[in-house]
């Protein structure tokens, strides 16, 4: 005799399907957010270089204090860029972890159902 009767197997199968659907919805949303983040990051990552090029052009025309302010601002922009890149990487890791968790959960359900 198996570990589960037919009714229990049916309930477990329904839970498996519901869990899979929820996980797929979450994965889809994570992937859409990741795509949006990557797109926006790629579109805007050049801004820091353009700003630094502009600062270089202005250096001859500005006082040392103003140049220092611009360099300080450029440094802070670099930190913002680094944060944005880390955000994209974190979302990528979250997407990967979600896929792994989904696969592991489905594998566990299958073990309960068919063993």
N, C-alpha and C. Protein backbone atom coordinates (compact mmCIF):
# COMPACT_ATOMS: atom_id res chain seq x y z
N UNK A 1 0.84 -1.18 0.00
CA UNK A 1 0.00 0.00 0.00
C UNK A 1 0.88 1.24 0.00
N UNK A 2 0.50 2.23 -0.77
CA UNK A 2 1.28 3.46 -0.87
C UNK A 2 1.17 4.32 0.37
N UNK A 3 2.02 5.29 0.44
CA UNK A 3 2.05 6.21 1.57
C UNK A 3 0.80 7.08 1.61
N UNK A 4 0.27 7.45 0.44
CA UNK A 4 -0.91 8.32 0.37
C UNK A 4 -2.04 7.59 -0.35
N UNK A 5 -3.27 7.87 0.08
CA UNK A 5 -4.41 7.33 -0.65
C UNK A 5 -4.71 8.25 -1.83
N UNK A 6 -5.67 7.89 -2.66
CA UNK A 6 -5.96 8.65 -3.88
C UNK A 6 -6.39 10.09 -3.58
N UNK A 7 -7.19 10.27 -2.54
CA UNK A 7 -7.64 11.62 -2.19
C UNK A 7 -6.45 12.50 -1.78
N UNK A 8 -5.56 11.94 -0.98
CA UNK A 8 -4.39 12.70 -0.54
C UNK A 8 -3.47 13.03 -1.72
N UNK A 9 -3.33 12.06 -2.63
CA UNK A 9 -2.52 12.31 -3.82
C UNK A 9 -3.13 13.43 -4.66
N UNK A 10 -4.46 13.44 -4.75
CA UNK A 10 -5.14 14.48 -5.52
C UNK A 10 -4.91 15.85 -4.88
N UNK A 11 -5.00 15.92 -3.55
CA UNK A 11 -4.78 17.17 -2.84
C UNK A 11 -3.34 17.63 -3.04
N UNK A 12 -2.40 16.71 -2.92
CA UNK A 12 -1.00 17.07 -3.11
C UNK A 12 -0.76 17.53 -4.55
N UNK A 13 -1.36 16.86 -5.51
CA UNK A 13 -1.22 17.27 -6.92
C UNK A 13 -1.78 18.67 -7.14
N UNK A 14 -2.93 18.96 -6.52
CA UNK A 14 -3.52 20.30 -6.65
C UNK A 14 -2.62 21.35 -6.00
N UNK A 15 -2.06 21.02 -4.83
CA UNK A 15 -1.13 21.95 -4.18
C UNK A 15 0.12 22.16 -5.03
N UNK A 16 0.58 21.09 -5.64
CA UNK A 16 1.75 21.19 -6.52
C UNK A 16 1.45 22.14 -7.69
N UNK A 17 0.29 21.98 -8.31
CA UNK A 17 -0.08 22.82 -9.45
C UNK A 17 -0.23 24.28 -9.02
N UNK A 18 -0.88 24.49 -7.87
CA UNK A 18 -1.06 25.85 -7.37
C UNK A 18 0.29 26.48 -7.03
N UNK A 19 1.15 25.71 -6.39
CA UNK A 19 2.49 26.21 -6.05
C UNK A 19 3.28 26.55 -7.31
N UNK A 20 3.18 25.68 -8.31
CA UNK A 20 3.88 25.91 -9.57
C UNK A 20 3.35 27.18 -10.26
N UNK A 21 2.04 27.35 -10.26
CA UNK A 21 1.45 28.54 -10.88
C UNK A 21 1.90 29.82 -10.17
N UNK A 22 1.87 29.79 -8.85
CA UNK A 22 2.31 30.96 -8.08
C UNK A 22 3.78 31.24 -8.33
N UNK A 23 4.60 30.20 -8.31
CA UNK A 23 6.03 30.38 -8.56
C UNK A 23 6.31 30.92 -9.95
N UNK A 24 5.56 30.41 -10.93
CA UNK A 24 5.74 30.90 -12.30
C UNK A 24 5.34 32.37 -12.42
N UNK A 25 4.25 32.75 -11.74
CA UNK A 25 3.83 34.16 -11.75
C UNK A 25 4.90 35.04 -11.12
N UNK A 26 5.43 34.59 -9.99
CA UNK A 26 6.49 35.36 -9.31
C UNK A 26 7.72 35.45 -10.20
N UNK A 27 8.10 34.34 -10.79
CA UNK A 27 9.27 34.33 -11.68
C UNK A 27 9.07 35.27 -12.86
N UNK A 28 7.88 35.25 -13.43
CA UNK A 28 7.58 36.12 -14.57
C UNK A 28 7.71 37.59 -14.15
N UNK A 29 7.16 37.93 -12.98
CA UNK A 29 7.24 39.31 -12.51
C UNK A 29 8.68 39.72 -12.22
N UNK A 30 9.43 38.83 -11.60
CA UNK A 30 10.84 39.11 -11.31
C UNK A 30 11.60 39.33 -12.62
N UNK A 31 11.36 38.46 -13.59
CA UNK A 31 12.06 38.59 -14.87
C UNK A 31 11.70 39.88 -15.60
N UNK A 32 10.42 40.27 -15.51
CA UNK A 32 10.01 41.54 -16.13
C UNK A 32 10.70 42.72 -15.44
N UNK A 33 10.75 42.69 -14.12
CA UNK A 33 11.44 43.75 -13.38
C UNK A 33 12.92 43.77 -13.71
N UNK A 34 13.52 42.59 -13.80
CA UNK A 34 14.93 42.51 -14.15
C UNK A 34 15.18 43.08 -15.53
N UNK A 35 14.34 42.73 -16.50
CA UNK A 35 14.49 43.27 -17.85
C UNK A 35 14.38 44.80 -17.85
N UNK A 36 13.40 45.31 -17.10
CA UNK A 36 13.24 46.77 -17.00
C UNK A 36 14.47 47.42 -16.39
N UNK A 37 14.97 46.83 -15.30
CA UNK A 37 16.16 47.38 -14.65
C UNK A 37 17.37 47.35 -15.58
N UNK A 38 17.56 46.22 -16.25
CA UNK A 38 18.71 46.11 -17.17
C UNK A 38 18.62 47.13 -18.29
N UNK A 39 17.43 47.29 -18.85
CA UNK A 39 17.22 48.24 -19.94
C UNK A 39 17.54 49.67 -19.47
N UNK A 40 16.96 50.04 -18.33
CA UNK A 40 17.19 51.39 -17.81
C UNK A 40 18.65 51.60 -17.44
N UNK A 41 19.27 50.59 -16.87
CA UNK A 41 20.68 50.71 -16.52
C UNK A 41 21.52 50.91 -17.78
N UNK A 42 21.28 50.09 -18.79
CA UNK A 42 22.04 50.22 -20.03
C UNK A 42 21.84 51.58 -20.68
N UNK A 43 20.61 52.09 -20.63
CA UNK A 43 20.31 53.40 -21.24
C UNK A 43 21.01 54.54 -20.50
N UNK A 44 21.23 54.37 -19.21
CA UNK A 44 21.74 55.47 -18.39
C UNK A 44 23.17 55.33 -17.91
N UNK A 45 23.82 54.21 -18.16
CA UNK A 45 25.16 54.02 -17.62
C UNK A 45 26.19 54.97 -18.25
N UNK A 46 25.92 55.51 -19.40
CA UNK A 46 26.83 56.41 -20.08
C UNK A 46 26.82 57.81 -19.48
N UNK A 47 25.81 58.12 -18.69
CA UNK A 47 25.65 59.47 -18.15
C UNK A 47 26.87 59.91 -17.35
N UNK A 48 27.43 59.03 -16.54
CA UNK A 48 28.58 59.39 -15.73
C UNK A 48 29.78 59.76 -16.61
N UNK A 49 30.03 58.98 -17.64
CA UNK A 49 31.15 59.31 -18.54
C UNK A 49 30.91 60.64 -19.23
N UNK A 50 29.69 60.86 -19.69
CA UNK A 50 29.37 62.13 -20.34
C UNK A 50 29.55 63.30 -19.36
N UNK A 51 29.14 63.11 -18.13
CA UNK A 51 29.29 64.16 -17.14
C UNK A 51 30.77 64.43 -16.87
N UNK A 52 31.56 63.39 -16.73
CA UNK A 52 33.00 63.57 -16.50
C UNK A 52 33.68 64.26 -17.68
N UNK A 53 33.26 63.92 -18.88
CA UNK A 53 33.79 64.60 -20.07
C UNK A 53 33.44 66.09 -20.03
N UNK A 54 32.22 66.38 -19.63
CA UNK A 54 31.78 67.77 -19.53
C UNK A 54 32.57 68.51 -18.45
N UNK A 55 32.80 67.87 -17.33
CA UNK A 55 33.61 68.47 -16.25
C UNK A 55 35.01 68.78 -16.77
N UNK A 56 35.58 67.87 -17.53
CA UNK A 56 36.92 68.09 -18.08
C UNK A 56 36.94 69.32 -18.99
N UNK A 57 35.91 69.49 -19.78
CA UNK A 57 35.82 70.66 -20.65
C UNK A 57 35.72 71.96 -19.84
N UNK A 58 35.02 71.89 -18.71
CA UNK A 58 34.80 73.08 -17.90
C UNK A 58 35.98 73.44 -17.00
N UNK A 59 36.88 72.52 -16.76
CA UNK A 59 37.94 72.75 -15.79
C UNK A 59 38.75 74.02 -16.08
N UNK A 60 38.96 74.32 -17.34
CA UNK A 60 39.74 75.50 -17.70
C UNK A 60 38.98 76.80 -17.43
N UNK A 61 37.67 76.69 -17.32
CA UNK A 61 36.85 77.89 -17.20
C UNK A 61 36.37 78.16 -15.77
N UNK A 62 36.61 77.23 -14.86
CA UNK A 62 36.06 77.34 -13.50
C UNK A 62 37.15 77.57 -12.46
N UNK A 63 36.70 78.05 -11.33
CA UNK A 63 37.63 78.23 -10.20
C UNK A 63 37.96 76.86 -9.62
N UNK A 64 39.06 76.76 -8.90
CA UNK A 64 39.42 75.49 -8.26
C UNK A 64 38.32 74.96 -7.32
N UNK A 65 37.63 75.88 -6.64
CA UNK A 65 36.56 75.45 -5.73
C UNK A 65 35.40 74.82 -6.52
N UNK A 66 35.05 75.44 -7.64
CA UNK A 66 33.96 74.90 -8.46
C UNK A 66 34.36 73.56 -9.08
N UNK A 67 35.61 73.47 -9.48
CA UNK A 67 36.11 72.20 -10.04
C UNK A 67 36.02 71.11 -8.98
N UNK A 68 36.42 71.44 -7.76
CA UNK A 68 36.34 70.47 -6.66
C UNK A 68 34.90 70.04 -6.40
N UNK A 69 33.97 70.98 -6.46
CA UNK A 69 32.55 70.64 -6.28
C UNK A 69 32.08 69.68 -7.36
N UNK A 70 32.49 69.95 -8.60
CA UNK A 70 32.09 69.08 -9.70
C UNK A 70 32.69 67.67 -9.55
N UNK A 71 33.94 67.61 -9.13
CA UNK A 71 34.58 66.30 -8.93
C UNK A 71 33.89 65.55 -7.79
N UNK A 72 33.52 66.26 -6.76
CA UNK A 72 32.80 65.65 -5.64
C UNK A 72 31.45 65.11 -6.12
N UNK A 73 30.76 65.90 -6.92
CA UNK A 73 29.47 65.48 -7.47
C UNK A 73 29.66 64.26 -8.37
N UNK A 74 30.71 64.27 -9.17
CA UNK A 74 31.01 63.15 -10.05
C UNK A 74 31.25 61.87 -9.23
N UNK A 75 31.95 62.02 -8.14
CA UNK A 75 32.22 60.88 -7.26
C UNK A 75 30.92 60.32 -6.69
N UNK A 76 30.01 61.19 -6.30
CA UNK A 76 28.72 60.74 -5.77
C UNK A 76 27.88 60.08 -6.87
N UNK A 77 27.97 60.60 -8.09
CA UNK A 77 27.26 59.97 -9.21
C UNK A 77 27.80 58.55 -9.46
N UNK A 78 29.11 58.40 -9.30
CA UNK A 78 29.69 57.07 -9.47
C UNK A 78 29.11 56.10 -8.44
N UNK A 79 28.91 56.56 -7.22
CA UNK A 79 28.32 55.72 -6.19
C UNK A 79 26.89 55.33 -6.55
N UNK A 80 26.15 56.28 -7.13
CA UNK A 80 24.78 55.98 -7.57
C UNK A 80 24.81 54.92 -8.67
N UNK A 81 25.76 55.06 -9.59
CA UNK A 81 25.89 54.09 -10.68
C UNK A 81 26.21 52.71 -10.11
N UNK A 82 27.10 52.66 -9.14
CA UNK A 82 27.47 51.39 -8.52
C UNK A 82 26.26 50.76 -7.81
N UNK A 83 25.47 51.58 -7.13
CA UNK A 83 24.26 51.08 -6.48
C UNK A 83 23.28 50.52 -7.50
N UNK A 84 23.13 51.22 -8.62
CA UNK A 84 22.22 50.75 -9.67
C UNK A 84 22.69 49.41 -10.22
N UNK A 85 24.00 49.28 -10.43
CA UNK A 85 24.54 48.02 -10.94
C UNK A 85 24.31 46.89 -9.94
N UNK A 86 24.52 47.19 -8.66
CA UNK A 86 24.27 46.18 -7.63
C UNK A 86 22.80 45.79 -7.60
N UNK A 87 21.91 46.75 -7.84
CA UNK A 87 20.48 46.45 -7.88
C UNK A 87 20.14 45.50 -9.01
N UNK A 88 20.73 45.71 -10.16
CA UNK A 88 20.51 44.82 -11.31
C UNK A 88 21.05 43.43 -10.98
N UNK A 89 22.24 43.37 -10.40
CA UNK A 89 22.83 42.08 -10.04
C UNK A 89 21.99 41.36 -8.98
N UNK A 90 21.48 42.10 -8.00
CA UNK A 90 20.64 41.50 -6.96
C UNK A 90 19.36 40.94 -7.56
N UNK A 91 18.76 41.67 -8.48
CA UNK A 91 17.53 41.20 -9.11
C UNK A 91 17.82 39.95 -9.94
N UNK A 92 18.97 39.91 -10.60
CA UNK A 92 19.36 38.73 -11.38
C UNK A 92 19.51 37.51 -10.45
N UNK A 93 20.14 37.72 -9.29
CA UNK A 93 20.31 36.64 -8.32
C UNK A 93 18.95 36.20 -7.77
N UNK A 94 18.07 37.15 -7.53
CA UNK A 94 16.73 36.82 -7.04
C UNK A 94 15.99 35.97 -8.06
N UNK A 95 16.09 36.31 -9.32
CA UNK A 95 15.45 35.54 -10.38
C UNK A 95 16.00 34.12 -10.40
N UNK A 96 17.31 33.99 -10.30
CA UNK A 96 17.95 32.67 -10.30
C UNK A 96 17.51 31.86 -9.08
N UNK A 97 17.51 32.50 -7.91
CA UNK A 97 17.11 31.80 -6.68
C UNK A 97 15.64 31.37 -6.74
N UNK A 98 14.79 32.20 -7.33
CA UNK A 98 13.37 31.85 -7.46
C UNK A 98 13.21 30.64 -8.36
N UNK A 99 13.96 30.60 -9.46
CA UNK A 99 13.88 29.43 -10.34
C UNK A 99 14.33 28.17 -9.61
N UNK A 100 15.43 28.28 -8.85
CA UNK A 100 15.93 27.12 -8.11
C UNK A 100 14.90 26.65 -7.07
N UNK A 101 14.31 27.59 -6.34
CA UNK A 101 13.32 27.23 -5.32
C UNK A 101 12.11 26.57 -5.95
N UNK A 102 11.67 27.09 -7.08
CA UNK A 102 10.52 26.51 -7.78
C UNK A 102 10.84 25.08 -8.20
N UNK A 103 11.99 24.89 -8.80
CA UNK A 103 12.37 23.55 -9.25
C UNK A 103 12.48 22.57 -8.08
N UNK A 104 13.06 23.03 -6.99
CA UNK A 104 13.21 22.18 -5.81
C UNK A 104 11.84 21.81 -5.22
N UNK A 105 10.94 22.78 -5.14
CA UNK A 105 9.60 22.53 -4.61
C UNK A 105 8.86 21.53 -5.47
N UNK A 106 8.93 21.72 -6.78
CA UNK A 106 8.25 20.79 -7.70
C UNK A 106 8.85 19.39 -7.60
N UNK A 107 10.15 19.30 -7.45
CA UNK A 107 10.81 18.01 -7.30
C UNK A 107 10.33 17.31 -6.02
N UNK A 108 10.20 18.08 -4.93
CA UNK A 108 9.72 17.50 -3.67
C UNK A 108 8.29 17.01 -3.80
N UNK A 109 7.44 17.80 -4.44
CA UNK A 109 6.06 17.35 -4.67
C UNK A 109 6.05 16.04 -5.46
N UNK A 110 6.87 15.98 -6.50
CA UNK A 110 6.91 14.77 -7.33
C UNK A 110 7.36 13.57 -6.51
N UNK A 111 8.30 13.78 -5.60
CA UNK A 111 8.76 12.66 -4.77
C UNK A 111 7.62 12.14 -3.90
N UNK A 112 6.86 13.04 -3.32
CA UNK A 112 5.74 12.63 -2.47
C UNK A 112 4.66 11.92 -3.27
N UNK A 113 4.43 12.37 -4.48
CA UNK A 113 3.35 11.81 -5.28
C UNK A 113 3.68 10.44 -5.85
N UNK A 114 4.91 10.24 -6.26
CA UNK A 114 5.23 9.04 -7.04
C UNK A 114 6.16 8.07 -6.34
N UNK A 115 6.44 8.29 -5.07
CA UNK A 115 7.29 7.34 -4.35
C UNK A 115 6.62 6.83 -3.11
